[in-house]
Structure formats: C-alpha cells, structure tokens
Amino acid sequence: MDDHEVTVDTITNATKETITGDEAMPLALNASTILAAKGKKIVRFTVKHGNLADDATEDDLHKAIVGPSGKLRAPTLWSGSTLLVGYHPDMYAEALLD
C-alpha cells in the first residue's frame, strides 16, 4: 500500500472480529459497487438504493463474499463506496490505483 500512496484508516483482525454471512449481506448492500475475487475471476455487483442491479441475486452475492466458514471472506476493504472482498491483484489495481 505504501508503494502506491494508499492510506489505511482502520485495520481489523478478521480472526478476532468476525462478521457472519448474515451480517455481511446488509453491510455489502451499503456499497455502490462490490468486487469479489473468486479464484482467477473477479465478480462484479452493482447496488442501487440498497438492492442488487442487473440479474444478480442475493444468493449470488452471498456465495461471492461469504466463505466456507460462513463468515465474510478476508481480506475485505472499503474504498469509497466500493467494497472489495478477497484478493486479486488486478481487482486492487483497478479499485485503488486508478
């Protein structure tokens, strides 16, 4: 992050402060854009007025942001109104460095 002059406001240890899948959904729907890394792919969701746009379902979103443990996947971060879930270098470059 320092290499790209990105500042971090808050860091939370996900092993100590977990967010369950049920808690993650309303949190995610506060974003305007959600980017989730799923293996080598980046899954994109658009949220308008607290609802998923296009043909995306809440089940699709849940599968993208909640891991097998039933908790919000890590790392997760907010950049403005964009929520990034999981790690993919291209996703971070797009969201943070543009």
N, C-alpha and C. Protein backbone atom coordinates (compact mmCIF):
# COMPACT_ATOMS: atom_id res chain seq x y z
N MET A 1 0.83 -1.19 0.00
CA MET A 1 0.00 0.00 0.00
C MET A 1 0.87 1.26 0.00
N ASP A 2 1.94 1.22 0.76
CA ASP A 2 2.83 2.38 0.81
C ASP A 2 3.43 2.69 -0.55
N ASP A 3 3.72 1.65 -1.33
CA ASP A 3 4.32 1.85 -2.65
C ASP A 3 3.42 2.66 -3.57
N HIS A 4 2.12 2.62 -3.31
CA HIS A 4 1.15 3.29 -4.17
C HIS A 4 0.46 4.46 -3.49
N GLU A 5 0.99 4.88 -2.37
CA GLU A 5 0.47 6.02 -1.61
C GLU A 5 -1.01 5.85 -1.25
N VAL A 6 -1.37 4.64 -0.82
CA VAL A 6 -2.72 4.35 -0.36
C VAL A 6 -2.69 4.41 1.16
N THR A 7 -3.59 5.18 1.75
CA THR A 7 -3.64 5.26 3.21
C THR A 7 -4.73 4.35 3.75
N VAL A 8 -4.47 3.80 4.90
CA VAL A 8 -5.40 2.90 5.57
C VAL A 8 -5.94 3.60 6.79
N ASP A 9 -7.27 3.67 6.90
CA ASP A 9 -7.89 4.31 8.06
C ASP A 9 -8.02 3.36 9.24
N THR A 10 -8.51 2.14 8.99
CA THR A 10 -8.76 1.19 10.06
C THR A 10 -8.38 -0.21 9.61
N ILE A 11 -7.72 -0.95 10.49
CA ILE A 11 -7.42 -2.35 10.23
C ILE A 11 -8.08 -3.17 11.34
N THR A 12 -8.79 -4.21 10.93
CA THR A 12 -9.46 -5.08 11.88
C THR A 12 -8.95 -6.50 11.66
N ASN A 13 -8.61 -7.19 12.73
CA ASN A 13 -8.15 -8.57 12.65
C ASN A 13 -9.38 -9.47 12.48
N ALA A 14 -9.50 -10.09 11.31
CA ALA A 14 -10.69 -10.90 11.00
C ALA A 14 -10.81 -12.14 11.87
N THR A 15 -9.72 -12.59 12.48
CA THR A 15 -9.83 -13.75 13.36
C THR A 15 -10.37 -13.37 14.73
N LYS A 16 -10.24 -12.10 15.08
CA LYS A 16 -10.73 -11.65 16.38
C LYS A 16 -12.11 -10.99 16.29
N GLU A 17 -12.40 -10.34 15.18
CA GLU A 17 -13.68 -9.66 14.99
C GLU A 17 -14.31 -10.18 13.71
N THR A 18 -15.03 -11.29 13.83
CA THR A 18 -15.61 -11.92 12.65
C THR A 18 -16.95 -11.28 12.29
N ILE A 19 -17.27 -11.36 11.00
CA ILE A 19 -18.56 -10.90 10.51
C ILE A 19 -19.22 -12.11 9.86
N THR A 20 -20.38 -12.50 10.35
CA THR A 20 -21.07 -13.67 9.82
C THR A 20 -21.68 -13.33 8.45
N GLY A 21 -22.07 -14.37 7.75
CA GLY A 21 -22.71 -14.17 6.45
C GLY A 21 -23.97 -13.34 6.55
N ASP A 22 -24.76 -13.55 7.62
CA ASP A 22 -25.99 -12.78 7.80
C ASP A 22 -25.68 -11.30 8.04
N GLU A 23 -24.58 -11.02 8.73
CA GLU A 23 -24.18 -9.63 8.97
C GLU A 23 -23.54 -9.02 7.73
N ALA A 24 -22.92 -9.85 6.90
CA ALA A 24 -22.19 -9.36 5.73
C ALA A 24 -23.12 -8.82 4.64
N MET A 25 -24.27 -9.42 4.49
CA MET A 25 -25.17 -9.03 3.40
C MET A 25 -25.63 -7.57 3.51
N PRO A 26 -26.19 -7.13 4.64
CA PRO A 26 -26.60 -5.72 4.72
C PRO A 26 -25.42 -4.77 4.61
N LEU A 27 -24.28 -5.20 5.13
CA LEU A 27 -23.07 -4.39 5.02
C LEU A 27 -22.71 -4.20 3.54
N ALA A 28 -22.71 -5.28 2.79
CA ALA A 28 -22.36 -5.22 1.37
C ALA A 28 -23.36 -4.36 0.59
N LEU A 29 -24.61 -4.43 0.94
CA LEU A 29 -25.63 -3.68 0.19
C LEU A 29 -25.57 -2.18 0.46
N ASN A 30 -24.67 -1.75 1.34
CA ASN A 30 -24.41 -0.32 1.54
C ASN A 30 -23.43 0.22 0.51
N ALA A 31 -22.77 -0.66 -0.23
CA ALA A 31 -21.82 -0.25 -1.25
C ALA A 31 -22.58 0.13 -2.53
N SER A 32 -21.89 0.82 -3.43
CA SER A 32 -22.48 1.03 -4.76
C SER A 32 -21.91 0.02 -5.74
N THR A 33 -20.70 -0.46 -5.47
CA THR A 33 -20.05 -1.48 -6.29
C THR A 33 -19.39 -2.48 -5.36
N ILE A 34 -19.53 -3.76 -5.69
CA ILE A 34 -18.88 -4.82 -4.93
C ILE A 34 -18.03 -5.61 -5.92
N LEU A 35 -16.76 -5.76 -5.60
CA LEU A 35 -15.84 -6.58 -6.39
C LEU A 35 -15.39 -7.73 -5.51
N ALA A 36 -15.56 -8.95 -5.98
CA ALA A 36 -15.18 -10.12 -5.20
C ALA A 36 -14.27 -11.01 -6.03
N ALA A 37 -13.14 -11.37 -5.46
CA ALA A 37 -12.21 -12.28 -6.12
C ALA A 37 -12.67 -13.70 -5.88
N LYS A 38 -12.86 -14.43 -6.96
CA LYS A 38 -13.25 -15.84 -6.88
C LYS A 38 -12.27 -16.62 -7.73
N GLY A 39 -11.21 -17.12 -7.11
CA GLY A 39 -10.16 -17.80 -7.87
C GLY A 39 -9.45 -16.80 -8.77
N LYS A 40 -9.42 -17.07 -10.06
CA LYS A 40 -8.76 -16.18 -11.01
C LYS A 40 -9.72 -15.14 -11.58
N LYS A 41 -11.00 -15.21 -11.20
CA LYS A 41 -12.00 -14.30 -11.73
C LYS A 41 -12.33 -13.20 -10.73
N ILE A 42 -12.83 -12.10 -11.26
CA ILE A 42 -13.36 -11.01 -10.44
C ILE A 42 -14.85 -10.92 -10.74
N VAL A 43 -15.66 -11.05 -9.70
CA VAL A 43 -17.11 -10.97 -9.84
C VAL A 43 -17.52 -9.56 -9.43
N ARG A 44 -18.35 -8.92 -10.26
CA ARG A 44 -18.77 -7.54 -10.01
C ARG A 44 -20.28 -7.48 -9.76
N PHE A 45 -20.63 -6.68 -8.76
CA PHE A 45 -22.03 -6.44 -8.46
C PHE A 45 -22.24 -4.93 -8.39
N THR A 46 -23.37 -4.49 -8.88
CA THR A 46 -23.77 -3.09 -8.77
C THR A 46 -24.96 -3.02 -7.84
N VAL A 47 -24.92 -2.07 -6.91
CA VAL A 47 -26.00 -1.90 -5.95
C VAL A 47 -26.62 -0.52 -6.18
N LYS A 48 -27.93 -0.49 -6.29
CA LYS A 48 -28.66 0.77 -6.43
C LYS A 48 -29.74 0.82 -5.37
N HIS A 49 -29.68 1.84 -4.54
CA HIS A 49 -30.67 2.04 -3.47
C HIS A 49 -30.81 0.81 -2.58
N GLY A 50 -29.68 0.17 -2.27
CA GLY A 50 -29.69 -0.97 -1.36
C GLY A 50 -30.11 -2.29 -1.98
N ASN A 51 -30.30 -2.30 -3.30
CA ASN A 51 -30.71 -3.53 -3.99
C ASN A 51 -29.72 -3.84 -5.11
N LEU A 52 -29.51 -5.12 -5.36
CA LEU A 52 -28.63 -5.53 -6.44
C LEU A 52 -29.25 -5.18 -7.78
N ALA A 53 -28.44 -4.67 -8.67
CA ALA A 53 -28.89 -4.31 -10.01
C ALA A 53 -28.66 -5.49 -10.95
N ASP A 54 -29.14 -5.33 -12.16
CA ASP A 54 -28.99 -6.33 -13.21
C ASP A 54 -29.69 -7.63 -12.79
N ASP A 55 -29.14 -8.76 -13.16
CA ASP A 55 -29.78 -10.04 -12.86
C ASP A 55 -29.19 -10.72 -11.63
N ALA A 56 -28.34 -10.04 -10.89
CA ALA A 56 -27.69 -10.64 -9.72
C ALA A 56 -28.71 -10.87 -8.61
N THR A 57 -28.51 -11.97 -7.89
CA THR A 57 -29.38 -12.28 -6.76
C THR A 57 -28.58 -12.17 -5.46
N GLU A 58 -29.30 -12.09 -4.37
CA GLU A 58 -28.61 -12.05 -3.07
C GLU A 58 -27.88 -13.37 -2.82
N ASP A 59 -28.36 -14.46 -3.37
CA ASP A 59 -27.66 -15.74 -3.25
C ASP A 59 -26.32 -15.67 -3.99
N ASP A 60 -26.30 -15.04 -5.18
CA ASP A 60 -25.04 -14.86 -5.92
C ASP A 60 -24.05 -14.06 -5.09
N LEU A 61 -24.53 -12.97 -4.51
CA LEU A 61 -23.67 -12.11 -3.69
C LEU A 61 -23.16 -12.88 -2.48
N HIS A 62 -24.04 -13.58 -1.81
CA HIS A 62 -23.66 -14.35 -0.62
C HIS A 62 -22.54 -15.34 -0.96
N LYS A 63 -22.69 -16.06 -2.07
CA LYS A 63 -21.67 -17.03 -2.48
C LYS A 63 -20.33 -16.35 -2.78
N ALA A 64 -20.38 -15.11 -3.25
CA ALA A 64 -19.15 -14.41 -3.62
C ALA A 64 -18.41 -13.82 -2.42
N ILE A 65 -19.13 -13.43 -1.37
CA ILE A 65 -18.48 -12.72 -0.27
C ILE A 65 -18.35 -13.51 1.03
N VAL A 66 -19.07 -14.62 1.12
CA VAL A 66 -19.03 -15.42 2.35
C VAL A 66 -18.29 -16.72 2.05
N GLY A 67 -17.32 -17.03 2.90
CA GLY A 67 -16.50 -18.22 2.70
C GLY A 67 -17.15 -19.48 3.25
N PRO A 68 -16.47 -20.62 3.13
CA PRO A 68 -17.00 -21.89 3.62
C PRO A 68 -17.22 -21.91 5.13
N SER A 69 -16.55 -21.03 5.85
CA SER A 69 -16.72 -20.96 7.30
C SER A 69 -18.02 -20.26 7.68
N GLY A 70 -18.69 -19.65 6.69
CA GLY A 70 -19.92 -18.91 6.98
C GLY A 70 -19.65 -17.47 7.38
N LYS A 71 -18.41 -17.04 7.22
CA LYS A 71 -18.02 -15.67 7.61
C LYS A 71 -17.60 -14.89 6.38
N LEU A 72 -17.64 -13.56 6.51
CA LEU A 72 -17.18 -12.68 5.45
C LEU A 72 -15.75 -13.04 5.10
N ARG A 73 -15.47 -13.19 3.81
CA ARG A 73 -14.13 -13.55 3.36
C ARG A 73 -13.15 -12.42 3.63
N ALA A 74 -11.91 -12.80 3.84
CA ALA A 74 -10.85 -11.81 4.07
C ALA A 74 -9.83 -11.96 2.95
N PRO A 75 -9.14 -10.91 2.60
CA PRO A 75 -9.32 -9.55 3.11
C PRO A 75 -10.55 -8.90 2.51
N THR A 76 -11.12 -8.00 3.26
CA THR A 76 -12.24 -7.19 2.81
C THR A 76 -11.90 -5.75 3.11
N LEU A 77 -12.14 -4.88 2.14
CA LEU A 77 -11.88 -3.46 2.41
C LEU A 77 -12.83 -2.57 1.64
N TRP A 78 -13.02 -1.39 2.20
CA TRP A 78 -13.81 -0.34 1.57
C TRP A 78 -12.87 0.64 0.92
N SER A 79 -13.20 1.06 -0.28
CA SER A 79 -12.52 2.15 -0.95
C SER A 79 -13.61 3.07 -1.48
N GLY A 80 -13.88 4.12 -0.72
CA GLY A 80 -15.02 4.98 -1.06
C GLY A 80 -16.30 4.18 -0.90
N SER A 81 -17.09 4.09 -1.98
CA SER A 81 -18.34 3.32 -1.92
C SER A 81 -18.19 1.94 -2.56
N THR A 82 -16.95 1.53 -2.78
CA THR A 82 -16.67 0.21 -3.37
C THR A 82 -16.21 -0.74 -2.28
N LEU A 83 -16.80 -1.93 -2.26
CA LEU A 83 -16.41 -2.98 -1.33
C LEU A 83 -15.62 -4.02 -2.09
N LEU A 84 -14.42 -4.33 -1.62
CA LEU A 84 -13.57 -5.36 -2.23
C LEU A 84 -13.49 -6.54 -1.28
N VAL A 85 -13.76 -7.73 -1.81
CA VAL A 85 -13.76 -8.94 -0.98
C VAL A 85 -12.84 -9.97 -1.63
N GLY A 86 -11.92 -10.51 -0.83
CA GLY A 86 -10.96 -11.46 -1.35
C GLY A 86 -9.77 -10.72 -1.94
N TYR A 87 -8.84 -11.48 -2.51
CA TYR A 87 -7.66 -10.83 -3.06
C TYR A 87 -7.42 -11.26 -4.50
N HIS A 88 -7.28 -10.27 -5.34
CA HIS A 88 -6.86 -10.46 -6.74
C HIS A 88 -6.11 -9.18 -7.10
N PRO A 89 -4.84 -9.27 -7.51
CA PRO A 89 -4.06 -8.05 -7.75
C PRO A 89 -4.70 -7.10 -8.76
N ASP A 90 -5.33 -7.63 -9.80
CA ASP A 90 -5.96 -6.77 -10.80
C ASP A 90 -7.15 -6.00 -10.20
N MET A 91 -7.87 -6.65 -9.30
CA MET A 91 -9.01 -6.01 -8.65
C MET A 91 -8.54 -4.84 -7.79
N TYR A 92 -7.48 -5.06 -7.05
CA TYR A 92 -6.94 -3.98 -6.21
C TYR A 92 -6.39 -2.84 -7.06
N ALA A 93 -5.70 -3.19 -8.14
CA ALA A 93 -5.14 -2.17 -9.03
C ALA A 93 -6.26 -1.32 -9.62
N GLU A 94 -7.33 -1.96 -10.06
CA GLU A 94 -8.45 -1.24 -10.65
C GLU A 94 -9.13 -0.32 -9.64
N ALA A 95 -9.38 -0.83 -8.46
CA ALA A 95 -10.16 -0.09 -7.47
C ALA A 95 -9.34 0.96 -6.72
N LEU A 96 -8.08 0.69 -6.48
CA LEU A 96 -7.30 1.57 -5.61
C LEU A 96 -6.33 2.48 -6.33
N LEU A 97 -5.90 2.09 -7.50
CA LEU A 97 -4.82 2.84 -8.13
C LEU A 97 -5.27 3.69 -9.30
N ASP A 98 -6.50 3.55 -9.74
CA ASP A 98 -6.99 4.37 -10.85
C ASP A 98 -7.35 5.77 -10.39
